[in-house]
Structures are given as C-alpha cells and as structure tokens.
PDB file of N, CA and C in Angstrom:
ATOM      1  N   MET A   1      12.870  20.589  86.667  1.00  0.00           N
ATOM      2  CA  MET A   1      11.912  19.649  86.140  1.00  0.00           C
ATOM      3  C   MET A   1      11.535  20.128  84.738  1.00  0.00           C
ATOM      4  N   ARG A   2      11.456  19.194  83.825  1.00  0.00           N
ATOM      5  CA  ARG A   2      11.170  19.510  82.428  1.00  0.00           C
ATOM      6  C   ARG A   2      10.212  18.476  81.874  1.00  0.00           C
ATOM      7  N   GLY A   3       9.233  18.933  81.108  1.00  0.00           N
ATOM      8  CA  GLY A   3       8.250  18.043  80.497  1.00  0.00           C
ATOM      9  C   GLY A   3       8.694  17.566  79.129  1.00  0.00           C
ATOM     10  N   ILE A   4       7.791  16.876  78.452  1.00  0.00           N
ATOM     11  CA  ILE A   4       8.059  16.345  77.115  1.00  0.00           C
ATOM     12  C   ILE A   4       7.271  17.145  76.077  1.00  0.00           C
ATOM     13  N   THR A   5       7.574  16.905  74.817  1.00  0.00           N
ATOM     14  CA  THR A   5       6.838  17.532  73.727  1.00  0.00           C
ATOM     15  C   THR A   5       5.743  16.578  73.274  1.00  0.00           C
ATOM     16  N   VAL A   6       4.505  17.053  73.292  1.00  0.00           N
ATOM     17  CA  VAL A   6       3.375  16.260  72.807  1.00  0.00           C
ATOM     18  C   VAL A   6       2.816  16.942  71.559  1.00  0.00           C
ATOM     19  N   THR A   7       2.102  16.177  70.753  1.00  0.00           N
ATOM     20  CA  THR A   7       1.515  16.713  69.533  1.00  0.00           C
ATOM     21  C   THR A   7       0.009  16.787  69.688  1.00  0.00           C
ATOM     22  N   LEU A   8      -0.518  17.966  69.504  1.00  0.00           N
ATOM     23  CA  LEU A   8      -1.954  18.212  69.587  1.00  0.00           C
ATOM     24  C   LEU A   8      -2.498  18.200  68.158  1.00  0.00           C
ATOM     25  N   VAL A   9      -3.567  17.449  67.925  1.00  0.00           N
ATOM     26  CA  VAL A   9      -4.167  17.371  66.591  1.00  0.00           C
ATOM     27  C   VAL A   9      -5.374  18.304  66.564  1.00  0.00           C
ATOM     28  N   GLU A  10      -5.242  19.385  65.823  1.00  0.00           N
ATOM     29  CA  GLU A  10      -6.318  20.363  65.719  1.00  0.00           C
ATOM     30  C   GLU A  10      -7.086  20.120  64.424  1.00  0.00           C
ATOM     31  N   LYS A  11      -8.393  19.993  64.543  1.00  0.00           N
ATOM     32  CA  LYS A  11      -9.236  19.757  63.375  1.00  0.00           C
ATOM     33  C   LYS A  11      -9.870  21.075  62.940  1.00  0.00           C
ATOM     34  N   THR A  12      -9.721  21.384  61.648  1.00  0.00           N
ATOM     35  CA  THR A  12     -10.284  22.599  61.072  1.00  0.00           C
ATOM     36  C   THR A  12     -11.264  22.208  59.982  1.00  0.00           C
ATOM     37  N   GLN A  13     -12.480  22.723  60.057  1.00  0.00           N
ATOM     38  CA  GLN A  13     -13.478  22.396  59.042  1.00  0.00           C
ATOM     39  C   GLN A  13     -13.107  23.090  57.738  1.00  0.00           C
ATOM     40  N   THR A  14     -13.020  22.293  56.658  1.00  0.00           N
ATOM     41  CA  THR A  14     -12.626  22.826  55.358  1.00  0.00           C
ATOM     42  C   THR A  14     -13.783  22.864  54.370  1.00  0.00           C
ATOM     43  N   GLY A  15     -14.929  22.348  54.757  1.00  0.00           N
ATOM     44  CA  GLY A  15     -16.082  22.346  53.862  1.00  0.00           C
ATOM     45  C   GLY A  15     -17.084  21.301  54.301  1.00  0.00           C
ATOM     46  N   THR A  16     -17.978  20.936  53.387  1.00  0.00           N
ATOM     47  CA  THR A  16     -18.969  19.893  53.647  1.00  0.00           C
ATOM     48  C   THR A  16     -19.028  18.948  52.459  1.00  0.00           C
ATOM     49  N   ASP A  17     -19.482  17.725  52.720  1.00  0.00           N
ATOM     50  CA  ASP A  17     -19.617  16.753  51.635  1.00  0.00           C
ATOM     51  C   ASP A  17     -21.012  16.869  51.009  1.00  0.00           C
ATOM     52  N   ASP A  18     -21.334  15.926  50.114  1.00  0.00           N
ATOM     53  CA  ASP A  18     -22.617  15.961  49.405  1.00  0.00           C
ATOM     54  C   ASP A  18     -23.819  15.825  50.330  1.00  0.00           C
ATOM     55  N   LEU A  19     -23.619  15.223  51.503  1.00  0.00           N
ATOM     56  CA  LEU A  19     -24.711  15.053  52.462  1.00  0.00           C
ATOM     57  C   LEU A  19     -24.697  16.141  53.533  1.00  0.00           C
ATOM     58  N   ASN A  20     -23.935  17.209  53.263  1.00  0.00           N
ATOM     59  CA  ASN A  20     -23.839  18.358  54.153  1.00  0.00           C
ATOM     60  C   ASN A  20     -23.189  18.035  55.506  1.00  0.00           C
ATOM     61  N   ARG A  21     -22.355  17.010  55.537  1.00  0.00           N
ATOM     62  CA  ARG A  21     -21.580  16.686  56.735  1.00  0.00           C
ATOM     63  C   ARG A  21     -20.247  17.414  56.653  1.00  0.00           C
ATOM     64  N   PRO A  22     -19.722  17.873  57.781  1.00  0.00           N
ATOM     65  CA  PRO A  22     -18.464  18.629  57.743  1.00  0.00           C
ATOM     66  C   PRO A  22     -17.271  17.766  57.338  1.00  0.00           C
ATOM     67  N   ILE A  23     -16.349  18.363  56.613  1.00  0.00           N
ATOM     68  CA  ILE A  23     -15.079  17.740  56.247  1.00  0.00           C
ATOM     69  C   ILE A  23     -13.993  18.489  57.018  1.00  0.00           C
ATOM     70  N   TYR A  24     -13.119  17.737  57.682  1.00  0.00           N
ATOM     71  CA  TYR A  24     -12.084  18.341  58.515  1.00  0.00           C
ATOM     72  C   TYR A  24     -10.704  18.038  57.961  1.00  0.00           C
ATOM     73  N   GLU A  25      -9.790  18.956  58.224  1.00  0.00           N
ATOM     74  CA  GLU A  25      -8.388  18.750  57.910  1.00  0.00           C
ATOM     75  C   GLU A  25      -7.612  18.823  59.220  1.00  0.00           C
ATOM     76  N   ASP A  26      -6.683  17.890  59.406  1.00  0.00           N
ATOM     77  CA  ASP A  26      -5.879  17.858  60.626  1.00  0.00           C
ATOM     78  C   ASP A  26      -4.644  18.740  60.483  1.00  0.00           C
ATOM     79  N   SER A  27      -4.337  19.473  61.543  1.00  0.00           N
ATOM     80  CA  SER A  27      -3.058  20.176  61.630  1.00  0.00           C
ATOM     81  C   SER A  27      -2.421  19.755  62.950  1.00  0.00           C
ATOM     82  N   TYR A  28      -1.113  19.595  62.921  1.00  0.00           N
ATOM     83  CA  TYR A  28      -0.387  19.076  64.071  1.00  0.00           C
ATOM     84  C   TYR A  28       0.394  20.198  64.742  1.00  0.00           C
ATOM     85  N   ILE A  29       0.178  20.350  66.055  1.00  0.00           N
ATOM     86  CA  ILE A  29       0.815  21.409  66.826  1.00  0.00           C
ATOM     87  C   ILE A  29       1.657  20.761  67.920  1.00  0.00           C
ATOM     88  N   ASP A  30       2.955  21.027  67.920  1.00  0.00           N
ATOM     89  CA  ASP A  30       3.825  20.516  68.978  1.00  0.00           C
ATOM     90  C   ASP A  30       3.751  21.454  70.179  1.00  0.00           C
ATOM     91  N   VAL A  31       3.491  20.865  71.336  1.00  0.00           N
ATOM     92  CA  VAL A  31       3.436  21.630  72.583  1.00  0.00           C
ATOM     93  C   VAL A  31       4.565  21.120  73.471  1.00  0.00           C
ATOM     94  N   ASP A  32       5.479  21.999  73.779  1.00  0.00           N
ATOM     95  CA  ASP A  32       6.677  21.647  74.542  1.00  0.00           C
ATOM     96  C   ASP A  32       6.428  21.767  76.043  1.00  0.00           C
ATOM     97  N   ASN A  33       7.172  20.992  76.815  1.00  0.00           N
ATOM     98  CA  ASN A  33       7.205  21.074  78.275  1.00  0.00           C
ATOM     99  C   ASN A  33       5.878  20.671  78.940  1.00  0.00           C
ATOM    100  N   VAL A  34       5.291  19.578  78.477  1.00  0.00           N
ATOM    101  CA  VAL A  34       4.063  19.048  79.061  1.00  0.00           C
ATOM    102  C   VAL A  34       4.434  17.908  80.004  1.00  0.00           C
ATOM    103  N   LEU A  35       3.915  17.954  81.221  1.00  0.00           N
ATOM    104  CA  LEU A  35       4.157  16.875  82.181  1.00  0.00           C
ATOM    105  C   LEU A  35       3.079  15.813  82.027  1.00  0.00           C
ATOM    106  N   VAL A  36       3.469  14.542  82.163  1.00  0.00           N
ATOM    107  CA  VAL A  36       2.535  13.423  82.078  1.00  0.00           C
ATOM    108  C   VAL A  36       2.566  12.700  83.417  1.00  0.00           C
ATOM    109  N   GLY A  37       1.386  12.493  83.992  1.00  0.00           N
ATOM    110  CA  GLY A  37       1.302  11.810  85.275  1.00  0.00           C
ATOM    111  C   GLY A  37       0.089  10.903  85.326  1.00  0.00           C
ATOM    112  N   GLU A  38      -0.008  10.154  86.401  1.00  0.00           N
ATOM    113  CA  GLU A  38      -1.154   9.267  86.589  1.00  0.00           C
ATOM    114  C   GLU A  38      -2.309  10.045  87.206  1.00  0.00           C
ATOM    115  N   PRO A  39      -3.534   9.741  86.774  1.00  0.00           N
ATOM    116  CA  PRO A  39      -4.685  10.408  87.388  1.00  0.00           C
ATOM    117  C   PRO A  39      -4.916   9.879  88.805  1.00  0.00           C
ATOM    118  N   THR A  40      -5.549  10.688  89.637  1.00  0.00           N
ATOM    119  CA  THR A  40      -5.891  10.253  90.988  1.00  0.00           C
ATOM    120  C   THR A  40      -7.067   9.290  90.921  1.00  0.00           C
ATOM    121  N   SER A  41      -7.308   8.579  91.987  1.00  0.00           N
ATOM    122  CA  SER A  41      -8.443   7.648  92.013  1.00  0.00           C
ATOM    123  C   SER A  41      -9.765   8.401  91.879  1.00  0.00           C
ATOM    124  N   ASP A  42      -9.834   9.622  92.414  1.00  0.00           N
ATOM    125  CA  ASP A  42     -11.037  10.447  92.256  1.00  0.00           C
ATOM    126  C   ASP A  42     -11.254  10.831  90.797  1.00  0.00           C
ATOM    127  N   GLU A  43     -10.175  11.206  90.095  1.00  0.00           N
ATOM    128  CA  GLU A  43     -10.288  11.565  88.677  1.00  0.00           C
ATOM    129  C   GLU A  43     -10.740  10.369  87.838  1.00  0.00           C
ATOM    130  N   ILE A  44     -10.236   9.191  88.158  1.00  0.00           N
ATOM    131  CA  ILE A  44     -10.641   7.980  87.431  1.00  0.00           C
ATOM    132  C   ILE A  44     -12.123   7.716  87.661  1.00  0.00           C
ATOM    133  N   ALA A  45     -12.555   7.775  88.910  1.00  0.00           N
ATOM    134  CA  ALA A  45     -13.965   7.521  89.236  1.00  0.00           C
ATOM    135  C   ALA A  45     -14.879   8.582  88.621  1.00  0.00           C
ATOM    136  N   ASN A  46     -14.470   9.840  88.686  1.00  0.00           N
ATOM    137  CA  ASN A  46     -15.298  10.918  88.141  1.00  0.00           C
ATOM    138  C   ASN A  46     -15.439  10.837  86.628  1.00  0.00           C
ATOM    139  N   THR A  47     -14.347  10.576  85.916  1.00  0.00           N
ATOM    140  CA  THR A  47     -14.451  10.494  84.461  1.00  0.00           C
ATOM    141  C   THR A  47     -15.272   9.286  84.037  1.00  0.00           C
ATOM    142  N   MET A  48     -15.187   8.214  84.807  1.00  0.00           N
ATOM    143  CA  MET A  48     -15.976   7.022  84.483  1.00  0.00           C
ATOM    144  C   MET A  48     -17.463   7.287  84.714  1.00  0.00           C
ATOM    145  N   SER A  49     -17.805   7.928  85.817  1.00  0.00           N
ATOM    146  CA  SER A  49     -19.222   8.162  86.104  1.00  0.00           C
ATOM    147  C   SER A  49     -19.802   9.306  85.280  1.00  0.00           C
ATOM    148  N   LEU A  50     -19.025  10.350  84.998  1.00  0.00           N
ATOM    149  CA  LEU A  50     -19.532  11.490  84.242  1.00  0.00           C
ATOM    150  C   LEU A  50     -19.539  11.274  82.729  1.00  0.00           C
ATOM    151  N   TYR A  51     -18.470  10.658  82.211  1.00  0.00           N
ATOM    152  CA  TYR A  51     -18.305  10.545  80.762  1.00  0.00           C
ATOM    153  C   TYR A  51     -18.323   9.106  80.247  1.00  0.00           C
ATOM    154  N   GLY A  52     -18.234   8.132  81.147  1.00  0.00           N
ATOM    155  CA  GLY A  52     -18.172   6.740  80.722  1.00  0.00           C
ATOM    156  C   GLY A  52     -16.844   6.395  80.071  1.00  0.00           C
ATOM    157  N   LYS A  53     -15.784   7.120  80.435  1.00  0.00           N
ATOM    158  CA  LYS A  53     -14.462   6.923  79.840  1.00  0.00           C
ATOM    159  C   LYS A  53     -13.439   6.672  80.932  1.00  0.00           C
ATOM    160  N   MET A  54     -12.415   5.898  80.600  1.00  0.00           N
ATOM    161  CA  MET A  54     -11.385   5.529  81.566  1.00  0.00           C
ATOM    162  C   MET A  54     -10.170   6.442  81.440  1.00  0.00           C
ATOM    163  N   ALA A  55      -9.899   7.212  82.472  1.00  0.00           N
ATOM    164  CA  ALA A  55      -8.746   8.121  82.481  1.00  0.00           C
ATOM    165  C   ALA A  55      -7.455   7.316  82.499  1.00  0.00           C
ATOM    166  N   LYS A  56      -6.536   7.648  81.598  1.00  0.00           N
ATOM    167  CA  LYS A  56      -5.258   6.946  81.515  1.00  0.00           C
ATOM    168  C   LYS A  56      -4.122   7.781  82.104  1.00  0.00           C
ATOM    169  N   TYR A  57      -4.031   9.058  81.676  1.00  0.00           N
ATOM    170  CA  TYR A  57      -2.994   9.957  82.170  1.00  0.00           C
ATOM    171  C   TYR A  57      -3.580  11.340  82.415  1.00  0.00           C
ATOM    172  N   THR A  58      -2.845  12.132  83.186  1.00  0.00           N
ATOM    173  CA  THR A  58      -3.160  13.533  83.389  1.00  0.00           C
ATOM    174  C   THR A  58      -2.010  14.344  82.793  1.00  0.00           C
ATOM    175  N   LEU A  59      -2.340  15.352  81.995  1.00  0.00           N
ATOM    176  CA  LEU A  59      -1.327  16.218  81.401  1.00  0.00           C
ATOM    177  C   LEU A  59      -1.332  17.562  82.106  1.00  0.00           C
ATOM    178  N   ALA A  60      -0.144  18.057  82.445  1.00  0.00           N
ATOM    179  CA  ALA A  60       0.000  19.410  82.983  1.00  0.00           C
ATOM    180  C   ALA A  60       0.495  20.277  81.833  1.00  0.00           C
ATOM    181  N   ILE A  61      -0.284  21.307  81.507  1.00  0.00           N
ATOM    182  CA  ILE A  61      -0.017  22.165  80.359  1.00  0.00           C
ATOM    183  C   ILE A  61       0.730  23.416  80.833  1.00  0.00           C
ATOM    184  N   PRO A  62       1.778  23.820  80.103  1.00  0.00           N
ATOM    185  CA  PRO A  62       2.560  24.972  80.554  1.00  0.00           C
ATOM    186  C   PRO A  62       1.798  26.293  80.480  1.00  0.00           C
ATOM    187  N   LYS A  63       2.205  27.221  81.326  1.00  0.00           N
ATOM    188  CA  LYS A  63       1.618  28.558  81.340  1.00  0.00           C
ATOM    189  C   LYS A  63       1.801  29.210  79.963  1.00  0.00           C
ATOM    190  N   GLY A  64       0.824  30.012  79.566  1.00  0.00           N
ATOM    191  CA  GLY A  64       0.910  30.726  78.303  1.00  0.00           C
ATOM    192  C   GLY A  64       0.382  29.953  77.108  1.00  0.00           C
ATOM    193  N   ASP A  65       0.044  28.690  77.283  1.00  0.00           N
ATOM    194  CA  ASP A  65      -0.483  27.895  76.173  1.00  0.00           C
ATOM    195  C   ASP A  65      -1.905  28.353  75.849  1.00  0.00           C
ATOM    196  N   THR A  66      -2.170  28.592  74.563  1.00  0.00           N
ATOM    197  CA  THR A  66      -3.485  29.080  74.144  1.00  0.00           C
ATOM    198  C   THR A  66      -4.247  28.077  73.288  1.00  0.00           C
ATOM    199  N   ASN A  67      -3.746  26.856  73.177  1.00  0.00           N
ATOM    200  CA  ASN A  67      -4.410  25.838  72.364  1.00  0.00           C
ATOM    201  C   ASN A  67      -5.705  25.365  73.017  1.00  0.00           C
ATOM    202  N   ASP A  68      -6.615  24.853  72.202  1.00  0.00           N
ATOM    203  CA  ASP A  68      -7.880  24.309  72.692  1.00  0.00           C
ATOM    204  C   ASP A  68      -7.676  22.836  73.024  1.00  0.00           C
ATOM    205  N   TRP A  69      -7.795  22.475  74.294  1.00  0.00           N
ATOM    206  CA  TRP A  69      -7.566  21.112  74.753  1.00  0.00           C
ATOM    207  C   TRP A  69      -8.878  20.363  74.995  1.00  0.00           C
ATOM    208  N   THR A  70     -10.005  20.910  74.583  1.00  0.00           N
ATOM    209  CA  THR A  70     -11.297  20.285  74.804  1.00  0.00           C
ATOM    210  C   THR A  70     -11.623  19.327  73.661  1.00  0.00           C
ATOM    211  N   ASP A  71     -11.877  18.048  73.996  1.00  0.00           N
ATOM    212  CA  ASP A  71     -12.261  17.035  73.007  1.00  0.00           C
ATOM    213  C   ASP A  71     -11.284  16.997  71.834  1.00  0.00           C
ATOM    214  N   THR A  72     -10.003  16.893  72.160  1.00  0.00           N
ATOM    215  CA  THR A  72      -8.934  16.961  71.171  1.00  0.00           C
ATOM    216  C   THR A  72      -8.062  15.712  71.238  1.00  0.00           C
ATOM    217  N   GLU A  73      -7.548  15.307  70.092  1.00  0.00           N
ATOM    218  CA  GLU A  73      -6.631  14.171  70.028  1.00  0.00           C
ATOM    219  C   GLU A  73      -5.224  14.646  70.370  1.00  0.00           C
ATOM    220  N   VAL A  74      -4.508  13.823  71.142  1.00  0.00           N
ATOM    221  CA  VAL A  74      -3.144  14.132  71.566  1.00  0.00           C
ATOM    222  C   VAL A  74      -2.274  12.919  71.267  1.00  0.00           C
ATOM    223  N   ILE A  75      -1.101  13.154  70.688  1.00  0.00           N
ATOM    224  CA  ILE A  75      -0.156  12.074  70.399  1.00  0.00           C
ATOM    225  C   ILE A  75       1.031  12.225  71.335  1.00  0.00           C
ATOM    226  N   LEU A  76       1.307  11.161  72.095  1.00  0.00           N
ATOM    227  CA  LEU A  76       2.415  11.186  73.051  1.00  0.00           C
ATOM    228  C   LEU A  76       3.583  10.378  72.516  1.00  0.00           C
ATOM    229  N   PRO A  77       4.815  10.814  72.814  1.00  0.00           N
ATOM    230  CA  PRO A  77       5.998  10.055  72.406  1.00  0.00           C
ATOM    231  C   PRO A  77       6.268   8.904  73.380  1.00  0.00           C
ATOM    232  N   SER A  78       7.289   8.125  73.092  1.00  0.00           N
ATOM    233  CA  SER A  78       7.722   7.036  73.953  1.00  0.00           C
ATOM    234  C   SER A  78       8.132   7.621  75.306  1.00  0.00           C
ATOM    235  N   PRO A  79       7.895   6.999  76.397  1.00  0.00           N
ATOM    236  CA  PRO A  79       7.391   5.657  76.682  1.00  0.00           C
ATOM    237  C   PRO A  79       5.864   5.565  76.764  1.00  0.00           C
ATOM    238  N   PHE A  80       5.153   6.672  76.556  1.00  0.00           N
ATOM    239  CA  PHE A  80       3.692   6.674  76.624  1.00  0.00           C
ATOM    240  C   PHE A  80       3.074   6.481  75.249  1.00  0.00           C
ATOM    241  N   GLU A  81       3.903   6.264  74.279  1.00  0.00           N
ATOM    242  CA  GLU A  81       3.587   6.262  72.852  1.00  0.00           C
ATOM    243  C   GLU A  81       2.171   5.818  72.503  1.00  0.00           C
ATOM    244  N   GLY A  82       1.485   6.665  71.756  1.00  0.00           N
ATOM    245  CA  GLY A  82       0.157   6.332  71.286  1.00  0.00           C
ATOM    246  C   GLY A  82      -0.713   7.550  71.095  1.00  0.00           C
ATOM    247  N   LYS A  83      -1.944   7.280  70.654  1.00  0.00           N
ATOM    248  CA  LYS A  83      -2.926   8.336  70.470  1.00  0.00           C
ATOM    249  C   LYS A  83      -3.871   8.341  71.666  1.00  0.00           C
ATOM    250  N   TYR A  84      -4.187   9.529  72.117  1.00  0.00           N
ATOM    251  CA  TYR A  84      -5.065   9.717  73.260  1.00  0.00           C
ATOM    252  C   TYR A  84      -6.073  10.809  72.908  1.00  0.00           C
ATOM    253  N   LYS A  85      -7.134  10.874  73.681  1.00  0.00           N
ATOM    254  CA  LYS A  85      -8.137  11.919  73.481  1.00  0.00           C
ATOM    255  C   LYS A  85      -8.454  12.535  74.831  1.00  0.00           C
ATOM    256  N   THR A  86      -8.600  13.856  74.851  1.00  0.00           N
ATOM    257  CA  THR A  86      -8.892  14.533  76.105  1.00  0.00           C
ATOM    258  C   THR A  86     -10.317  14.224  76.552  1.00  0.00           C
ATOM    259  N   ILE A  87     -10.513  14.232  77.862  1.00  0.00           N
ATOM    260  CA  ILE A  87     -11.821  13.961  78.468  1.00  0.00           C
ATOM    261  C   ILE A  87     -12.272  15.235  79.166  1.00  0.00           C
ATOM    262  N   GLY A  88     -13.453  15.702  78.838  1.00  0.00           N
ATOM    263  CA  GLY A  88     -14.001  16.874  79.513  1.00  0.00           C
ATOM    264  C   GLY A  88     -13.240  18.146  79.180  1.00  0.00           C
ATOM    265  N   TYR A  89     -13.298  19.072  80.111  1.00  0.00           N
ATOM    266  CA  TYR A  89     -12.665  20.377  79.934  1.00  0.00           C
ATOM    267  C   TYR A  89     -11.407  20.477  80.776  1.00  0.00           C
ATOM    268  N   PRO A  90     -10.396  21.198  80.292  1.00  0.00           N
ATOM    269  CA  PRO A  90      -9.207  21.409  81.106  1.00  0.00           C
ATOM    270  C   PRO A  90      -9.538  22.258  82.333  1.00  0.00           C
ATOM    271  N   THR A  91      -8.826  22.009  83.412  1.00  0.00           N
ATOM    272  CA  THR A  91      -8.954  22.869  84.582  1.00  0.00           C
ATOM    273  C   THR A  91      -7.723  23.764  84.626  1.00  0.00           C
ATOM    274  N   ALA A  92      -7.922  25.017  85.004  1.00  0.00           N
ATOM    275  CA  ALA A  92      -6.811  25.970  84.994  1.00  0.00           C
ATOM    276  C   ALA A  92      -6.834  26.811  86.255  1.00  0.00           C
ATOM    277  N   GLY A  93      -5.650  27.237  86.654  1.00  0.00           N
ATOM    278  CA  GLY A  93      -5.516  28.143  87.774  1.00  0.00           C
ATOM    279  C   GLY A  93      -5.033  29.493  87.276  1.00  0.00           C
ATOM    280  N   ILE A  94      -5.001  30.456  88.154  1.00  0.00           N
ATOM    281  CA  ILE A  94      -4.508  31.788  87.804  1.00  0.00           C
ATOM    282  C   ILE A  94      -2.985  31.715  87.711  1.00  0.00           C
ATOM    283  N   GLU A  95      -2.455  32.050  86.535  1.00  0.00           N
ATOM    284  CA  GLU A  95      -1.020  31.906  86.282  1.00  0.00           C
ATOM    285  C   GLU A  95      -0.155  32.567  87.352  1.00  0.00           C
ATOM    286  N   ALA A  96      -0.518  33.780  87.760  1.00  0.00           N
ATOM    287  CA  ALA A  96       0.295  34.529  88.727  1.00  0.00           C
ATOM    288  C   ALA A  96       0.300  33.884  90.109  1.00  0.00           C
ATOM    289  N   ASN A  97      -0.713  33.077  90.417  1.00  0.00           N
ATOM    290  CA  ASN A  97      -0.817  32.476  91.742  1.00  0.00           C
ATOM    291  C   ASN A  97      -0.215  31.074  91.827  1.00  0.00           C
ATOM    292  N   ILE A  98       0.254  30.553  90.726  1.00  0.00           N
ATOM    293  CA  ILE A  98       0.819  29.202  90.713  1.00  0.00           C
ATOM    294  C   ILE A  98       2.331  29.318  90.537  1.00  0.00           C
ATOM    295  N   PRO A  99       3.102  28.742  91.461  1.00  0.00           N
ATOM    296  CA  PRO A  99       4.542  28.973  91.471  1.00  0.00           C
ATOM    297  C   PRO A  99       5.343  28.268  90.371  1.00  0.00           C
ATOM    298  N   LEU A 100       4.886  27.166  89.863  1.00  0.00           N
ATOM    299  CA  LEU A 100       5.674  26.439  88.872  1.00  0.00           C
ATOM    300  C   LEU A 100       5.337  26.893  87.453  1.00  0.00           C
ATOM    301  N   MET A 101       5.757  26.114  86.454  1.00  0.00           N
ATOM    302  CA  MET A 101       5.608  26.499  85.049  1.00  0.00           C
ATOM    303  C   MET A 101       4.302  26.020  84.411  1.00  0.00           C
ATOM    304  N   TRP A 102       3.455  25.318  85.164  1.00  0.00           N
ATOM    305  CA  TRP A 102       2.240  24.742  84.592  1.00  0.00           C
ATOM    306  C   TRP A 102       1.026  25.258  85.350  1.00  0.00           C
ATOM    307  N   ASN A 103      -0.035  25.590  84.630  1.00  0.00           N
ATOM    308  CA  ASN A 103      -1.223  26.100  85.311  1.00  0.00           C
ATOM    309  C   ASN A 103      -2.515  25.449  84.830  1.00  0.00           C
ATOM    310  N   LYS A 104      -2.420  24.516  83.901  1.00  0.00           N
ATOM    311  CA  LYS A 104      -3.615  23.887  83.343  1.00  0.00           C
ATOM    312  C   LYS A 104      -3.450  22.376  83.413  1.00  0.00           C
ATOM    313  N   LYS A 105      -4.559  21.677  83.611  1.00  0.00           N
ATOM    314  CA  LYS A 105      -4.516  20.214  83.723  1.00  0.00           C
ATOM    315  C   LYS A 105      -5.641  19.637  82.876  1.00  0.00           C
ATOM    316  N   VAL A 106      -5.334  18.568  82.139  1.00  0.00           N
ATOM    317  CA  VAL A 106      -6.333  17.893  81.322  1.00  0.00           C
ATOM    318  C   VAL A 106      -6.135  16.386  81.455  1.00  0.00           C
ATOM    319  N   ILE A 107      -7.238  15.653  81.467  1.00  0.00           N
ATOM    320  CA  ILE A 107      -7.207  14.201  81.600  1.00  0.00           C
ATOM    321  C   ILE A 107      -7.393  13.595  80.215  1.00  0.00           C
ATOM    322  N   ILE A 108      -6.631  12.533  79.922  1.00  0.00           N
ATOM    323  CA  ILE A 108      -6.727  11.890  78.614  1.00  0.00           C
ATOM    324  C   ILE A 108      -7.026  10.403  78.751  1.00  0.00           C
ATOM    325  N   GLU A 109      -7.646   9.850  77.694  1.00  0.00           N
ATOM    326  CA  GLU A 109      -7.922   8.421  77.614  1.00  0.00           C
ATOM    327  C   GLU A 109      -7.201   7.854  76.408  1.00  0.00           C
ATOM    328  N   ARG A 110      -6.935   6.555  76.430  1.00  0.00           N
ATOM    329  CA  ARG A 110      -6.316   5.867  75.288  1.00  0.00           C
ATOM    330  C   ARG A 110      -7.295   5.894  74.132  1.00  0.00           C
ATOM    331  N   TYR A 111      -6.808   6.163  72.920  1.00  0.00           N
ATOM    332  CA  TYR A 111      -7.672   6.347  71.766  1.00  0.00           C
ATOM    333  C   TYR A 111      -7.000   5.734  70.552  1.00  0.00           C
ATOM    334  N   GLY A 112      -7.693   4.874  69.858  1.00  0.00           N
ATOM    335  CA  GLY A 112      -7.165   4.315  68.606  1.00  0.00           C
ATOM    336  C   GLY A 112      -6.082   3.379  68.762  1.00  0.00           C
TER     337      GLY A 112
END
C-alpha cells in the first residue's frame, strides 16, 4: 500500500505591517506517502459540533513526519484536487506500537 504526495503550506511570519498586524510568507512542503480516506460518521459529527466545520477527508501521516499539521493548509492532487485546511489537532500513536507505516491522523475540510 502506498500513499500520495500532498503539499503542506507552512506560514512563516516575516514582519508586521503599519498597523502592527503580522505579515506571513508561504513555503510549500511536499509530504510523501500520505493516505487519504473518508472520515467516520463520528468524526463528521464531532468536528461539526466542536468546531462548526464539515470534515471532508482524513489523512494518515507517515511515521517520522515532523511537520506541524495544526490549523494548516493542505493541497491535494487529483482526484481529490483542491485546497483543504486541517481541523483541530492531529491524533498520533506510538510509532513502535503501530505495525504499518502511518502513525498520525488529521481531519481536513474543503477550503477555498
């Protein structure tokens, strides 16, 4: 089983404007071997009641990934093509106790 490559958009603060609001610069990070699946009915209900957002897909993140997946924009290739945003915090298991190549899960919503 092999996942797809998704692009994570990392925002880095580069300064502030005249009104002291932060200015961000986007950097694009390709993350290989990410699985895309449908969220469970519980995940859909929980994200709707907790965050007021509709879960579209669930991403399984490969072991060893150190990127920040909290409140981050994600770009998926075809057939899921589009911009998405993560909902809430990723859930993770202990790498040594999980038999496959993925140990982290994050829920995303359609964005933009």
